[in-house]
């Protein structure tokens, strides 16, 4: 068994322990924020994409990763649709968009609406922002997002 396969088994075990999922997700967000290659971004995203219950600090870190880390905002992954473009190339989904969508579904998102607005403008994700904070899941405020 290689060190990489042992690592994968440990990660798989941690991901199945409900009492560890919040800390695990927060660690994955930090790993994404600090990713220094596309391959690492891919591996981290495979585990992070189904995260739930990210708090204020984790959402802020996720949004910062989208804004600041070129290994996140320049990275793409094969589209789950399996579609191809007009030239027959496999469609790709940008991680910036995928991660931003994940952030909007988290309880800690509304506490980061100003940062989210900044990130959306910088990365061309304005359409994902929605407009009013109250339109997001887990939101109780009707305050409007800052332009």
Foldseek 3Di string as FASTA:
>chain_A
DDPVVVVVVVLVVQCPDVVRQQVSLLVLLVQLLVPDALVSVVVSCVSNLPRAAHAQVSLLSLLNSCQPPCSQVVHWAFDPVQDAPPVRHGDTHGNSQSSLLVSLQYLNNLVCLQSSVVSCVRSVNVVSSPWFNVVTPNDDDRHTRDD
